[in-house]
Amino acid sequence: MKRRTLLLTASLSPLLAAPALGQASLGPILDDAAGLENLRAIAVWQGGEIAARGYHGFTPDDPTNIKSASKSIISALAGIAIDRGELDGTDQPIAPILRDQLPADPDPRLATVTLGNLLSMQAGLERQSGANYGAWVSSRNWVRAALAAPFTQDPGGRMQYSTASTHLVSAILTRVTGRSTLDLARDWLGDVPGFAIAGWERDPQGIYLGGNQMAMSTRSLLAFGAIYADGGRAGGRQVVPADWIEESWQTRTASIFSGQGYGYGWFIGQASGRPVRYGWGYGGQMIYVFPATGRQPAVAIAMTSDPDQPSARTGYRNDLHMLADRIIQAL
């Protein structure tokens, strides 16, 4: 496997102000979080106010590789593209868009794979994450290699969590718009206060890696989550279509990691009796969104951690879930 290094640059966004959001209740919780040695920063949003804390020499403004939490951002770009008419919808077949990248003798099932299948990790193609990831990103053409992978099941079946699927979404966005995915993100999300992508890896053809190797600060990740918490609005305008958020948060399949639901780039669960939607990246890169329910206002929580340490098998991811649960209880 070729070693790849993600370039981390200084944040491009102005620093967000941090009003005293529930300091009396959040203070002890944020103090206790220092006991998590892999944790780098936490930022919390509620009603436009923000509380943030850095740990172990890091600040909420330092860029971190958010890993697969970027899959939620790819999903947002797909929804905006549909709203703008660049894509027809989630039922749109992908084969006609990527026709020149298909294998010479494609499996007939490739013709039935849709944009929605990619976003919900139900393409049916052998997954190019986990043990297969290294070989995939060492290939000369990541898009072609993803499409040439064998089918392990029919499209629309159980989850096959694969970064290749969201990379195909990035390739599709690039193809239909004629613009890079980074350019789209800076155009479509760049006016969101505090949002900025500080670094992002590209494949050998120059397509930005959909769903991994994206650097953002904890505040920037929170700014993205706050869009979803506020019904798709930011800076006084509708940034992500509200109906896309609703569609993204409908359970399409079950997570192979936790058994929880999975929609279009978002895991779906419950915490403290409230629905929660979250993105999760290797090492413990988390964006939690608690939608408003009854008298309870919407809340977004971003957490970043050491991206080189595992989080699932060590129990650290569950520690972060419990930390988010404590925060939401306090608020």
C-alpha atoms as a PDB file:
ATOM      1  CA  MET A   1       0.000   0.000   0.000  1.00  0.00           C
ATOM      2  CA  LYS A   2       1.324   3.422  -0.941  1.00  0.00           C
ATOM      3  CA  ARG A   3       1.560   5.769   2.013  1.00  0.00           C
ATOM      4  CA  ARG A   4      -0.565   8.896   1.589  1.00  0.00           C
ATOM      5  CA  THR A   5      -0.346  11.954   3.783  1.00  0.00           C
ATOM      6  CA  LEU A   6      -3.254  14.353   4.126  1.00  0.00           C
ATOM      7  CA  LEU A   7      -2.094  17.955   3.951  1.00  0.00           C
ATOM      8  CA  LEU A   8      -3.468  19.939   6.863  1.00  0.00           C
ATOM      9  CA  THR A   9      -3.533  23.683   6.326  1.00  0.00           C
ATOM     10  CA  ALA A  10      -4.699  26.470   8.576  1.00  0.00           C
ATOM     11  CA  SER A  11      -8.464  26.935   8.809  1.00  0.00           C
ATOM     12  CA  LEU A  12      -9.784  29.225   6.102  1.00  0.00           C
ATOM     13  CA  SER A  13     -12.803  30.357   8.106  1.00  0.00           C
ATOM     14  CA  PRO A  14     -13.080  33.187  10.624  1.00  0.00           C
ATOM     15  CA  LEU A  15     -13.278  31.966  14.190  1.00  0.00           C
ATOM     16  CA  LEU A  16     -16.758  31.564  15.554  1.00  0.00           C
ATOM     17  CA  ALA A  17     -17.603  33.363  18.727  1.00  0.00           C
ATOM     18  CA  ALA A  18     -18.278  31.108  21.707  1.00  0.00           C
ATOM     19  CA  PRO A  19     -20.989  32.467  23.965  1.00  0.00           C
ATOM     20  CA  ALA A  20     -21.426  30.884  27.375  1.00  0.00           C
ATOM     21  CA  LEU A  21     -23.766  28.082  26.333  1.00  0.00           C
ATOM     22  CA  GLY A  22     -24.921  26.303  29.466  1.00  0.00           C
ATOM     23  CA  GLN A  23     -21.532  26.706  31.135  1.00  0.00           C
ATOM     24  CA  ALA A  24     -22.899  25.863  34.558  1.00  0.00           C
ATOM     25  CA  SER A  25     -24.194  22.490  33.360  1.00  0.00           C
ATOM     26  CA  LEU A  26     -21.691  21.756  30.581  1.00  0.00           C
ATOM     27  CA  GLY A  27     -18.559  22.840  32.438  1.00  0.00           C
ATOM     28  CA  PRO A  28     -18.146  19.719  34.608  1.00  0.00           C
ATOM     29  CA  ILE A  29     -18.925  17.451  31.639  1.00  0.00           C
ATOM     30  CA  LEU A  30     -16.359  19.159  29.450  1.00  0.00           C
ATOM     31  CA  ASP A  31     -13.861  18.981  32.310  1.00  0.00           C
ATOM     32  CA  ASP A  32     -14.430  15.235  32.677  1.00  0.00           C
ATOM     33  CA  ALA A  33     -13.933  14.743  28.939  1.00  0.00           C
ATOM     34  CA  ALA A  34     -10.233  15.505  29.414  1.00  0.00           C
ATOM     35  CA  GLY A  35      -9.943  11.954  30.726  1.00  0.00           C
ATOM     36  CA  LEU A  36     -10.399  10.641  27.177  1.00  0.00           C
ATOM     37  CA  GLU A  37      -6.801  10.635  25.992  1.00  0.00           C
ATOM     38  CA  ASN A  38      -7.598  10.457  22.253  1.00  0.00           C
ATOM     39  CA  LEU A  39     -10.024  13.379  22.354  1.00  0.00           C
ATOM     40  CA  ARG A  40      -8.892  16.591  20.622  1.00  0.00           C
ATOM     41  CA  ALA A  41     -11.866  18.957  20.831  1.00  0.00           C
ATOM     42  CA  ILE A  42     -15.599  19.305  21.441  1.00  0.00           C
ATOM     43  CA  ALA A  43     -17.969  21.975  20.136  1.00  0.00           C
ATOM     44  CA  VAL A  44     -21.672  22.276  20.969  1.00  0.00           C
ATOM     45  CA  TRP A  45     -24.383  24.319  19.191  1.00  0.00           C
ATOM     46  CA  GLN A  46     -27.841  25.180  20.460  1.00  0.00           C
ATOM     47  CA  GLY A  47     -29.986  28.026  19.194  1.00  0.00           C
ATOM     48  CA  GLY A  48     -27.039  29.784  17.572  1.00  0.00           C
ATOM     49  CA  GLU A  49     -24.865  29.703  20.691  1.00  0.00           C
ATOM     50  CA  ILE A  50     -21.650  27.710  20.836  1.00  0.00           C
ATOM     51  CA  ALA A  51     -19.511  26.197  23.582  1.00  0.00           C
ATOM     52  CA  ALA A  52     -16.157  24.699  22.630  1.00  0.00           C
ATOM     53  CA  ARG A  53     -13.185  23.128  24.383  1.00  0.00           C
ATOM     54  CA  GLY A  54      -9.820  21.755  23.238  1.00  0.00           C
ATOM     55  CA  TYR A  55      -7.830  18.963  24.876  1.00  0.00           C
ATOM     56  CA  HIS A  56      -4.298  17.593  25.063  1.00  0.00           C
ATOM     57  CA  GLY A  57      -2.693  20.496  23.254  1.00  0.00           C
ATOM     58  CA  PHE A  58      -5.364  20.850  20.526  1.00  0.00           C
ATOM     59  CA  THR A  59      -7.945  23.594  20.038  1.00  0.00           C
ATOM     60  CA  PRO A  60     -11.406  23.554  18.389  1.00  0.00           C
ATOM     61  CA  ASP A  61      -9.860  25.539  15.519  1.00  0.00           C
ATOM     62  CA  ASP A  62      -7.131  23.037  14.633  1.00  0.00           C
ATOM     63  CA  PRO A  63      -7.851  20.990  11.468  1.00  0.00           C
ATOM     64  CA  THR A  64      -8.259  17.243  11.955  1.00  0.00           C
ATOM     65  CA  ASN A  65      -8.806  14.468   9.432  1.00  0.00           C
ATOM     66  CA  ILE A  66     -12.512  13.803   9.961  1.00  0.00           C
ATOM     67  CA  LYS A  67     -12.327  10.509   8.041  1.00  0.00           C
ATOM     68  CA  SER A  68     -15.757   8.999   7.285  1.00  0.00           C
ATOM     69  CA  ALA A  69     -17.668  11.802   8.997  1.00  0.00           C
ATOM     70  CA  SER A  70     -17.149  13.478   5.609  1.00  0.00           C
ATOM     71  CA  LYS A  71     -19.664  11.016   4.120  1.00  0.00           C
ATOM     72  CA  SER A  72     -22.404  13.174   5.641  1.00  0.00           C
ATOM     73  CA  ILE A  73     -20.984  16.168   3.751  1.00  0.00           C
ATOM     74  CA  ILE A  74     -20.951  14.213   0.473  1.00  0.00           C
ATOM     75  CA  SER A  75     -24.607  13.373   1.120  1.00  0.00           C
ATOM     76  CA  ALA A  76     -25.411  17.072   1.592  1.00  0.00           C
ATOM     77  CA  LEU A  77     -23.730  17.954  -1.718  1.00  0.00           C
ATOM     78  CA  ALA A  78     -25.735  15.238  -3.480  1.00  0.00           C
ATOM     79  CA  GLY A  79     -28.983  16.627  -2.052  1.00  0.00           C
ATOM     80  CA  ILE A  80     -28.118  20.159  -3.132  1.00  0.00           C
ATOM     81  CA  ALA A  81     -27.217  18.877  -6.615  1.00  0.00           C
ATOM     82  CA  ILE A  82     -30.628  17.219  -6.889  1.00  0.00           C
ATOM     83  CA  ASP A  83     -32.334  20.412  -5.764  1.00  0.00           C
ATOM     84  CA  ARG A  84     -30.400  22.390  -8.398  1.00  0.00           C
ATOM     85  CA  GLY A  85     -31.352  19.966 -11.164  1.00  0.00           C
ATOM     86  CA  GLU A  86     -27.818  18.663 -11.654  1.00  0.00           C
ATOM     87  CA  LEU A  87     -29.045  15.184 -10.728  1.00  0.00           C
ATOM     88  CA  ASP A  88     -32.483  13.645 -11.264  1.00  0.00           C
ATOM     89  CA  GLY A  89     -32.864  12.093  -7.824  1.00  0.00           C
ATOM     90  CA  THR A  90     -31.848   9.131  -5.718  1.00  0.00           C
ATOM     91  CA  ASP A  91     -33.470   6.647  -8.130  1.00  0.00           C
ATOM     92  CA  GLN A  92     -31.189   7.803 -10.950  1.00  0.00           C
ATOM     93  CA  PRO A  93     -29.004   4.954 -12.311  1.00  0.00           C
ATOM     94  CA  ILE A  94     -25.290   5.708 -12.098  1.00  0.00           C
ATOM     95  CA  ALA A  95     -24.101   3.620 -15.072  1.00  0.00           C
ATOM     96  CA  PRO A  96     -25.050   6.154 -17.792  1.00  0.00           C
ATOM     97  CA  ILE A  97     -23.178   8.912 -15.950  1.00  0.00           C
ATOM     98  CA  LEU A  98     -20.012   6.838 -15.524  1.00  0.00           C
ATOM     99  CA  ARG A  99     -20.341   4.828 -18.746  1.00  0.00           C
ATOM    100  CA  ASP A 100     -16.709   5.292 -19.787  1.00  0.00           C
ATOM    101  CA  GLN A 101     -15.508   3.940 -16.433  1.00  0.00           C
ATOM    102  CA  LEU A 102     -17.483   0.673 -16.540  1.00  0.00           C
ATOM    103  CA  PRO A 103     -15.635  -2.626 -17.026  1.00  0.00           C
ATOM    104  CA  ALA A 104     -15.517  -4.056 -20.548  1.00  0.00           C
ATOM    105  CA  ASP A 105     -18.025  -6.784 -19.706  1.00  0.00           C
ATOM    106  CA  PRO A 106     -20.033  -5.334 -16.801  1.00  0.00           C
ATOM    107  CA  ASP A 107     -22.220  -7.356 -14.501  1.00  0.00           C
ATOM    108  CA  PRO A 108     -25.823  -6.619 -15.590  1.00  0.00           C
ATOM    109  CA  ARG A 109     -26.570  -5.518 -12.024  1.00  0.00           C
ATOM    110  CA  LEU A 110     -24.411  -2.418 -12.513  1.00  0.00           C
ATOM    111  CA  ALA A 111     -27.209  -1.015 -14.671  1.00  0.00           C
ATOM    112  CA  THR A 112     -29.550  -1.133 -11.665  1.00  0.00           C
ATOM    113  CA  VAL A 113     -27.305   0.585  -9.098  1.00  0.00           C
ATOM    114  CA  THR A 114     -28.735   4.003  -8.204  1.00  0.00           C
ATOM    115  CA  LEU A 115     -27.413   7.143  -6.575  1.00  0.00           C
ATOM    116  CA  GLY A 116     -29.477   6.261  -3.509  1.00  0.00           C
ATOM    117  CA  ASN A 117     -27.848   2.823  -3.334  1.00  0.00           C
ATOM    118  CA  LEU A 118     -24.443   4.483  -3.136  1.00  0.00           C
ATOM    119  CA  LEU A 119     -25.510   6.947  -0.430  1.00  0.00           C
ATOM    120  CA  SER A 120     -27.113   4.239   1.723  1.00  0.00           C
ATOM    121  CA  MET A 121     -24.243   1.753   1.234  1.00  0.00           C
ATOM    122  CA  GLN A 122     -26.499  -0.702  -0.587  1.00  0.00           C
ATOM    123  CA  ALA A 123     -24.787  -0.847  -3.987  1.00  0.00           C
ATOM    124  CA  GLY A 124     -24.148  -4.582  -3.581  1.00  0.00           C
ATOM    125  CA  LEU A 125     -20.544  -4.244  -4.781  1.00  0.00           C
ATOM    126  CA  GLU A 126     -17.754  -5.745  -2.706  1.00  0.00           C
ATOM    127  CA  ARG A 127     -16.853  -3.113  -0.160  1.00  0.00           C
ATOM    128  CA  GLN A 128     -13.594  -1.220  -0.547  1.00  0.00           C
ATOM    129  CA  SER A 129     -13.206  -0.328   3.111  1.00  0.00           C
ATOM    130  CA  GLY A 130     -11.573  -2.289   5.883  1.00  0.00           C
ATOM    131  CA  ALA A 131      -9.227  -4.971   4.548  1.00  0.00           C
ATOM    132  CA  ASN A 132      -9.794  -3.949   0.919  1.00  0.00           C
ATOM    133  CA  TYR A 133      -9.170  -0.221   1.349  1.00  0.00           C
ATOM    134  CA  GLY A 134      -5.397  -0.252   0.883  1.00  0.00           C
ATOM    135  CA  ALA A 135      -5.486  -2.120  -2.419  1.00  0.00           C
ATOM    136  CA  TRP A 136      -8.280   0.084  -3.700  1.00  0.00           C
ATOM    137  CA  VAL A 137      -6.490   3.401  -3.052  1.00  0.00           C
ATOM    138  CA  SER A 138      -3.298   1.919  -4.513  1.00  0.00           C
ATOM    139  CA  SER A 139      -5.059   1.310  -7.841  1.00  0.00           C
ATOM    140  CA  ARG A 140      -4.465   3.608 -10.811  1.00  0.00           C
ATOM    141  CA  ASN A 141      -8.127   4.549 -11.172  1.00  0.00           C
ATOM    142  CA  TRP A 142     -10.275   4.440  -8.047  1.00  0.00           C
ATOM    143  CA  VAL A 143     -13.568   4.956  -9.868  1.00  0.00           C
ATOM    144  CA  ARG A 144     -12.892   2.204 -12.391  1.00  0.00           C
ATOM    145  CA  ALA A 145     -11.674  -0.149  -9.664  1.00  0.00           C
ATOM    146  CA  ALA A 146     -14.808   0.479  -7.577  1.00  0.00           C
ATOM    147  CA  LEU A 147     -17.084  -0.271 -10.532  1.00  0.00           C
ATOM    148  CA  ALA A 148     -15.104  -3.401 -11.411  1.00  0.00           C
ATOM    149  CA  ALA A 149     -15.473  -4.891  -7.926  1.00  0.00           C
ATOM    150  CA  PRO A 150     -17.563  -8.086  -7.851  1.00  0.00           C
ATOM    151  CA  PHE A 151     -21.107  -8.050  -6.559  1.00  0.00           C
ATOM    152  CA  THR A 152     -21.545  -9.787  -3.216  1.00  0.00           C
ATOM    153  CA  GLN A 153     -25.308  -9.266  -3.264  1.00  0.00           C
ATOM    154  CA  ASP A 154     -27.973  -7.552  -5.337  1.00  0.00           C
ATOM    155  CA  PRO A 155     -28.282  -3.751  -5.140  1.00  0.00           C
ATOM    156  CA  GLY A 156     -30.668  -2.595  -2.428  1.00  0.00           C
ATOM    157  CA  GLY A 157     -29.776  -5.379   0.015  1.00  0.00           C
ATOM    158  CA  ARG A 158     -28.054  -5.141   3.375  1.00  0.00           C
ATOM    159  CA  MET A 159     -25.417  -2.535   4.115  1.00  0.00           C
ATOM    160  CA  GLN A 160     -22.019  -2.953   2.455  1.00  0.00           C
ATOM    161  CA  TYR A 161     -20.201  -0.040   4.099  1.00  0.00           C
ATOM    162  CA  SER A 162     -17.704   1.161   1.497  1.00  0.00           C
ATOM    163  CA  THR A 163     -15.848   4.408   0.968  1.00  0.00           C
ATOM    164  CA  ALA A 164     -15.783   3.473  -2.728  1.00  0.00           C
ATOM    165  CA  SER A 165     -19.540   4.088  -2.838  1.00  0.00           C
ATOM    166  CA  THR A 166     -19.295   7.681  -1.624  1.00  0.00           C
ATOM    167  CA  HIS A 167     -16.246   8.217  -3.836  1.00  0.00           C
ATOM    168  CA  LEU A 168     -18.432   7.270  -6.794  1.00  0.00           C
ATOM    169  CA  VAL A 169     -20.862   9.980  -5.625  1.00  0.00           C
ATOM    170  CA  SER A 170     -17.976  12.471  -5.675  1.00  0.00           C
ATOM    171  CA  ALA A 171     -17.095  11.330  -9.204  1.00  0.00           C
ATOM    172  CA  ILE A 172     -20.723  11.676 -10.294  1.00  0.00           C
ATOM    173  CA  LEU A 173     -20.959  15.200  -8.873  1.00  0.00           C
ATOM    174  CA  THR A 174     -17.749  16.117 -10.687  1.00  0.00           C
ATOM    175  CA  ARG A 175     -19.008  14.623 -13.946  1.00  0.00           C
ATOM    176  CA  VAL A 176     -22.471  16.212 -14.014  1.00  0.00           C
ATOM    177  CA  THR A 177     -21.372  19.685 -12.868  1.00  0.00           C
ATOM    178  CA  GLY A 178     -17.976  19.894 -14.562  1.00  0.00           C
ATOM    179  CA  ARG A 179     -16.556  21.169 -11.263  1.00  0.00           C
ATOM    180  CA  SER A 180     -14.508  19.588  -8.520  1.00  0.00           C
ATOM    181  CA  THR A 181     -16.271  18.457  -5.376  1.00  0.00           C
ATOM    182  CA  LEU A 182     -14.139  20.865  -3.340  1.00  0.00           C
ATOM    183  CA  ASP A 183     -15.258  23.723  -5.586  1.00  0.00           C
ATOM    184  CA  LEU A 184     -18.889  22.674  -5.104  1.00  0.00           C
ATOM    185  CA  ALA A 185     -18.471  22.501  -1.325  1.00  0.00           C
ATOM    186  CA  ARG A 186     -16.891  25.944  -1.206  1.00  0.00           C
ATOM    187  CA  ASP A 187     -19.631  27.368  -3.427  1.00  0.00           C
ATOM    188  CA  TRP A 188     -22.680  25.639  -1.965  1.00  0.00           C
ATOM    189  CA  LEU A 189     -21.573  25.537   1.698  1.00  0.00           C
ATOM    190  CA  GLY A 190     -18.881  28.204   1.778  1.00  0.00           C
ATOM    191  CA  ASP A 191     -21.190  30.986   2.949  1.00  0.00           C
ATOM    192  CA  VAL A 192     -22.078  29.018   6.081  1.00  0.00           C
ATOM    193  CA  PRO A 193     -20.486  30.916   8.996  1.00  0.00           C
ATOM    194  CA  GLY A 194     -17.491  28.966  10.225  1.00  0.00           C
ATOM    195  CA  PHE A 195     -17.569  26.230   7.587  1.00  0.00           C
ATOM    196  CA  ALA A 196     -14.296  25.494   5.786  1.00  0.00           C
ATOM    197  CA  ILE A 197     -12.467  22.473   4.391  1.00  0.00           C
ATOM    198  CA  ALA A 198      -8.782  22.823   5.217  1.00  0.00           C
ATOM    199  CA  GLY A 199      -7.462  19.880   3.196  1.00  0.00           C
ATOM    200  CA  TRP A 200      -8.778  17.030   1.072  1.00  0.00           C
ATOM    201  CA  GLU A 201      -7.080  14.154  -0.739  1.00  0.00           C
ATOM    202  CA  ARG A 202      -7.668  13.446  -4.448  1.00  0.00           C
ATOM    203  CA  ASP A 203      -7.502  10.264  -6.497  1.00  0.00           C
ATOM    204  CA  PRO A 204      -5.057   9.813  -9.418  1.00  0.00           C
ATOM    205  CA  GLN A 205      -7.591  11.422 -11.776  1.00  0.00           C
ATOM    206  CA  GLY A 206      -7.928  14.460  -9.516  1.00  0.00           C
ATOM    207  CA  ILE A 207     -11.352  13.575  -8.070  1.00  0.00           C
ATOM    208  CA  TYR A 208     -11.668  14.470  -4.395  1.00  0.00           C
ATOM    209  CA  LEU A 209     -12.039  11.389  -2.229  1.00  0.00           C
ATOM    210  CA  GLY A 210     -15.700  11.094  -1.397  1.00  0.00           C
ATOM    211  CA  GLY A 211     -16.067  10.064   2.209  1.00  0.00           C
ATOM    212  CA  ASN A 212     -12.545  10.098   3.651  1.00  0.00           C
ATOM    213  CA  GLN A 213      -9.333  12.069   4.073  1.00  0.00           C
ATOM    214  CA  MET A 214     -10.952  15.472   4.597  1.00  0.00           C
ATOM    215  CA  ALA A 215      -9.495  17.938   7.109  1.00  0.00           C
ATOM    216  CA  MET A 216     -11.774  20.254   9.076  1.00  0.00           C
ATOM    217  CA  SER A 217     -11.629  21.960  12.426  1.00  0.00           C
ATOM    218  CA  THR A 218     -14.053  20.908  15.131  1.00  0.00           C
ATOM    219  CA  ARG A 219     -15.810  24.275  14.814  1.00  0.00           C
ATOM    220  CA  SER A 220     -16.172  23.789  11.059  1.00  0.00           C
ATOM    221  CA  LEU A 221     -17.620  20.318  11.552  1.00  0.00           C
ATOM    222  CA  LEU A 222     -20.027  21.815  14.079  1.00  0.00           C
ATOM    223  CA  ALA A 223     -21.003  24.538  11.595  1.00  0.00           C
ATOM    224  CA  PHE A 224     -21.995  21.774   9.164  1.00  0.00           C
ATOM    225  CA  GLY A 225     -23.992  19.925  11.824  1.00  0.00           C
ATOM    226  CA  ALA A 226     -25.735  23.142  12.823  1.00  0.00           C
ATOM    227  CA  ILE A 227     -27.109  23.444   9.268  1.00  0.00           C
ATOM    228  CA  TYR A 228     -28.919  20.138   9.697  1.00  0.00           C
ATOM    229  CA  ALA A 229     -29.969  20.981  13.269  1.00  0.00           C
ATOM    230  CA  ASP A 230     -31.530  24.212  11.995  1.00  0.00           C
ATOM    231  CA  GLY A 231     -33.556  22.559   9.237  1.00  0.00           C
ATOM    232  CA  GLY A 232     -30.990  23.194   6.507  1.00  0.00           C
ATOM    233  CA  ARG A 233     -30.662  26.923   7.193  1.00  0.00           C
ATOM    234  CA  ALA A 234     -27.541  28.963   7.847  1.00  0.00           C
ATOM    235  CA  GLY A 235     -26.705  32.623   7.552  1.00  0.00           C
ATOM    236  CA  GLY A 236     -30.340  33.508   6.923  1.00  0.00           C
ATOM    237  CA  ARG A 237     -30.779  31.275   3.887  1.00  0.00           C
ATOM    238  CA  GLN A 238     -31.749  27.723   3.019  1.00  0.00           C
ATOM    239  CA  VAL A 239     -28.470  25.902   2.340  1.00  0.00           C
ATOM    240  CA  VAL A 240     -29.500  22.236   2.355  1.00  0.00           C
ATOM    241  CA  PRO A 241     -33.078  21.492   1.208  1.00  0.00           C
ATOM    242  CA  ALA A 242     -35.263  20.598   4.194  1.00  0.00           C
ATOM    243  CA  ASP A 243     -36.848  17.717   2.287  1.00  0.00           C
ATOM    244  CA  TRP A 244     -33.380  16.299   1.599  1.00  0.00           C
ATOM    245  CA  ILE A 245     -32.611  16.273   5.317  1.00  0.00           C
ATOM    246  CA  GLU A 246     -35.841  14.399   5.960  1.00  0.00           C
ATOM    247  CA  GLU A 247     -35.055  11.950   3.163  1.00  0.00           C
ATOM    248  CA  SER A 248     -31.488  11.463   4.395  1.00  0.00           C
ATOM    249  CA  TRP A 249     -32.716  10.615   7.868  1.00  0.00           C
ATOM    250  CA  GLN A 250     -35.081   7.858   6.801  1.00  0.00           C
ATOM    251  CA  THR A 251     -33.766   4.396   7.669  1.00  0.00           C
ATOM    252  CA  ARG A 252     -32.723   2.565   4.494  1.00  0.00           C
ATOM    253  CA  THR A 253     -30.703  -0.278   6.003  1.00  0.00           C
ATOM    254  CA  ALA A 254     -29.103  -1.418   9.267  1.00  0.00           C
ATOM    255  CA  SER A 255     -25.554  -0.539  10.242  1.00  0.00           C
ATOM    256  CA  ILE A 256     -23.102  -3.442  10.107  1.00  0.00           C
ATOM    257  CA  PHE A 257     -21.303  -1.830  13.050  1.00  0.00           C
ATOM    258  CA  SER A 258     -24.082  -1.190  15.548  1.00  0.00           C
ATOM    259  CA  GLY A 259     -27.355  -2.519  14.135  1.00  0.00           C
ATOM    260  CA  GLN A 260     -28.722   1.042  14.179  1.00  0.00           C
ATOM    261  CA  GLY A 261     -30.447   2.508  11.168  1.00  0.00           C
ATOM    262  CA  TYR A 262     -28.583   4.136   8.302  1.00  0.00           C
ATOM    263  CA  GLY A 263     -29.946   6.643   5.813  1.00  0.00           C
ATOM    264  CA  TYR A 264     -28.099   8.683   3.209  1.00  0.00           C
ATOM    265  CA  GLY A 265     -24.738   9.267   4.895  1.00  0.00           C
ATOM    266  CA  TRP A 266     -26.139   9.370   8.430  1.00  0.00           C
ATOM    267  CA  PHE A 267     -26.473   6.797  11.213  1.00  0.00           C
ATOM    268  CA  ILE A 268     -29.851   6.912  12.968  1.00  0.00           C
ATOM    269  CA  GLY A 269     -30.376   6.204  16.654  1.00  0.00           C
ATOM    270  CA  GLN A 270     -31.730   7.341  20.011  1.00  0.00           C
ATOM    271  CA  ALA A 271     -30.062   9.001  23.002  1.00  0.00           C
ATOM    272  CA  SER A 272     -31.710  10.095  26.244  1.00  0.00           C
ATOM    273  CA  GLY A 273     -35.080   9.339  24.699  1.00  0.00           C
ATOM    274  CA  ARG A 274     -34.406  11.696  21.785  1.00  0.00           C
ATOM    275  CA  PRO A 275     -33.747  10.864  18.136  1.00  0.00           C
ATOM    276  CA  VAL A 276     -30.156  11.449  17.077  1.00  0.00           C
ATOM    277  CA  ARG A 277     -28.557  11.411  13.631  1.00  0.00           C
ATOM    278  CA  TYR A 278     -24.787  11.176  13.471  1.00  0.00           C
ATOM    279  CA  GLY A 279     -21.782  10.899  11.212  1.00  0.00           C
ATOM    280  CA  TRP A 280     -18.856   8.826  12.406  1.00  0.00           C
ATOM    281  CA  GLY A 281     -15.269   8.749  11.220  1.00  0.00           C
ATOM    282  CA  TYR A 282     -12.433   6.398  12.122  1.00  0.00           C
ATOM    283  CA  GLY A 283     -10.732   7.290  15.360  1.00  0.00           C
ATOM    284  CA  GLY A 284     -13.765   9.058  16.807  1.00  0.00           C
ATOM    285  CA  GLN A 285     -14.622  11.939  14.475  1.00  0.00           C
ATOM    286  CA  MET A 286     -18.266  12.607  15.354  1.00  0.00           C
ATOM    287  CA  ILE A 287     -21.028  14.966  14.324  1.00  0.00           C
ATOM    288  CA  TYR A 288     -24.252  14.467  16.262  1.00  0.00           C
ATOM    289  CA  VAL A 289     -27.520  16.199  15.391  1.00  0.00           C
ATOM    290  CA  PHE A 290     -30.457  16.066  17.788  1.00  0.00           C
ATOM    291  CA  PRO A 291     -33.510  17.416  15.906  1.00  0.00           C
ATOM    292  CA  ALA A 292     -35.937  19.660  17.748  1.00  0.00           C
ATOM    293  CA  THR A 293     -38.731  17.675  19.418  1.00  0.00           C
ATOM    294  CA  GLY A 294     -41.653  19.328  21.178  1.00  0.00           C
ATOM    295  CA  ARG A 295     -40.209  21.783  23.689  1.00  0.00           C
ATOM    296  CA  GLN A 296     -36.686  20.480  23.225  1.00  0.00           C
ATOM    297  CA  PRO A 297     -34.572  22.654  20.896  1.00  0.00           C
ATOM    298  CA  ALA A 298     -32.243  21.220  18.290  1.00  0.00           C
ATOM    299  CA  VAL A 299     -28.647  20.545  19.320  1.00  0.00           C
ATOM    300  CA  ALA A 300     -25.499  19.750  17.328  1.00  0.00           C
ATOM    301  CA  ILE A 301     -22.316  18.332  18.860  1.00  0.00           C
ATOM    302  CA  ALA A 302     -18.983  17.883  17.083  1.00  0.00           C
ATOM    303  CA  MET A 303     -16.078  15.878  18.458  1.00  0.00           C
ATOM    304  CA  THR A 304     -12.666  15.237  16.929  1.00  0.00           C
ATOM    305  CA  SER A 305     -10.079  12.729  18.060  1.00  0.00           C
ATOM    306  CA  ASP A 306      -6.748  11.191  17.125  1.00  0.00           C
ATOM    307  CA  PRO A 307      -7.469   9.949  13.568  1.00  0.00           C
ATOM    308  CA  ASP A 308      -4.791   7.240  13.758  1.00  0.00           C
ATOM    309  CA  GLN A 309      -6.281   5.295  16.670  1.00  0.00           C
ATOM    310  CA  PRO A 310      -9.246   2.887  16.406  1.00  0.00           C
ATOM    311  CA  SER A 311     -12.504   3.775  18.104  1.00  0.00           C
ATOM    312  CA  ALA A 312     -14.947   0.907  17.574  1.00  0.00           C
ATOM    313  CA  ARG A 313     -13.211  -2.197  18.884  1.00  0.00           C
ATOM    314  CA  THR A 314     -11.611  -0.287  21.762  1.00  0.00           C
ATOM    315  CA  GLY A 315     -14.912   1.003  23.107  1.00  0.00           C
ATOM    316  CA  TYR A 316     -13.832   4.616  22.601  1.00  0.00           C
ATOM    317  CA  ARG A 317     -16.688   5.306  20.175  1.00  0.00           C
ATOM    318  CA  ASN A 318     -19.124   4.229  22.885  1.00  0.00           C
ATOM    319  CA  ASP A 319     -17.371   6.580  25.302  1.00  0.00           C
ATOM    320  CA  LEU A 320     -18.077   9.410  22.859  1.00  0.00           C
ATOM    321  CA  HIS A 321     -21.707   8.316  22.551  1.00  0.00           C
ATOM    322  CA  MET A 322     -21.999   8.446  26.346  1.00  0.00           C
ATOM    323  CA  LEU A 323     -20.367  11.869  26.397  1.00  0.00           C
ATOM    324  CA  ALA A 324     -22.879  13.155  23.826  1.00  0.00           C
ATOM    325  CA  ASP A 325     -25.657  11.633  25.939  1.00  0.00           C
ATOM    326  CA  ARG A 326     -24.421  13.509  29.037  1.00  0.00           C
ATOM    327  CA  ILE A 327     -24.266  16.765  27.078  1.00  0.00           C
ATOM    328  CA  ILE A 328     -27.798  16.417  25.734  1.00  0.00           C
ATOM    329  CA  GLN A 329     -29.110  15.600  29.206  1.00  0.00           C
ATOM    330  CA  ALA A 330     -27.426  18.698  30.616  1.00  0.00           C
ATOM    331  CA  LEU A 331     -28.941  20.906  27.921  1.00  0.00           C
END
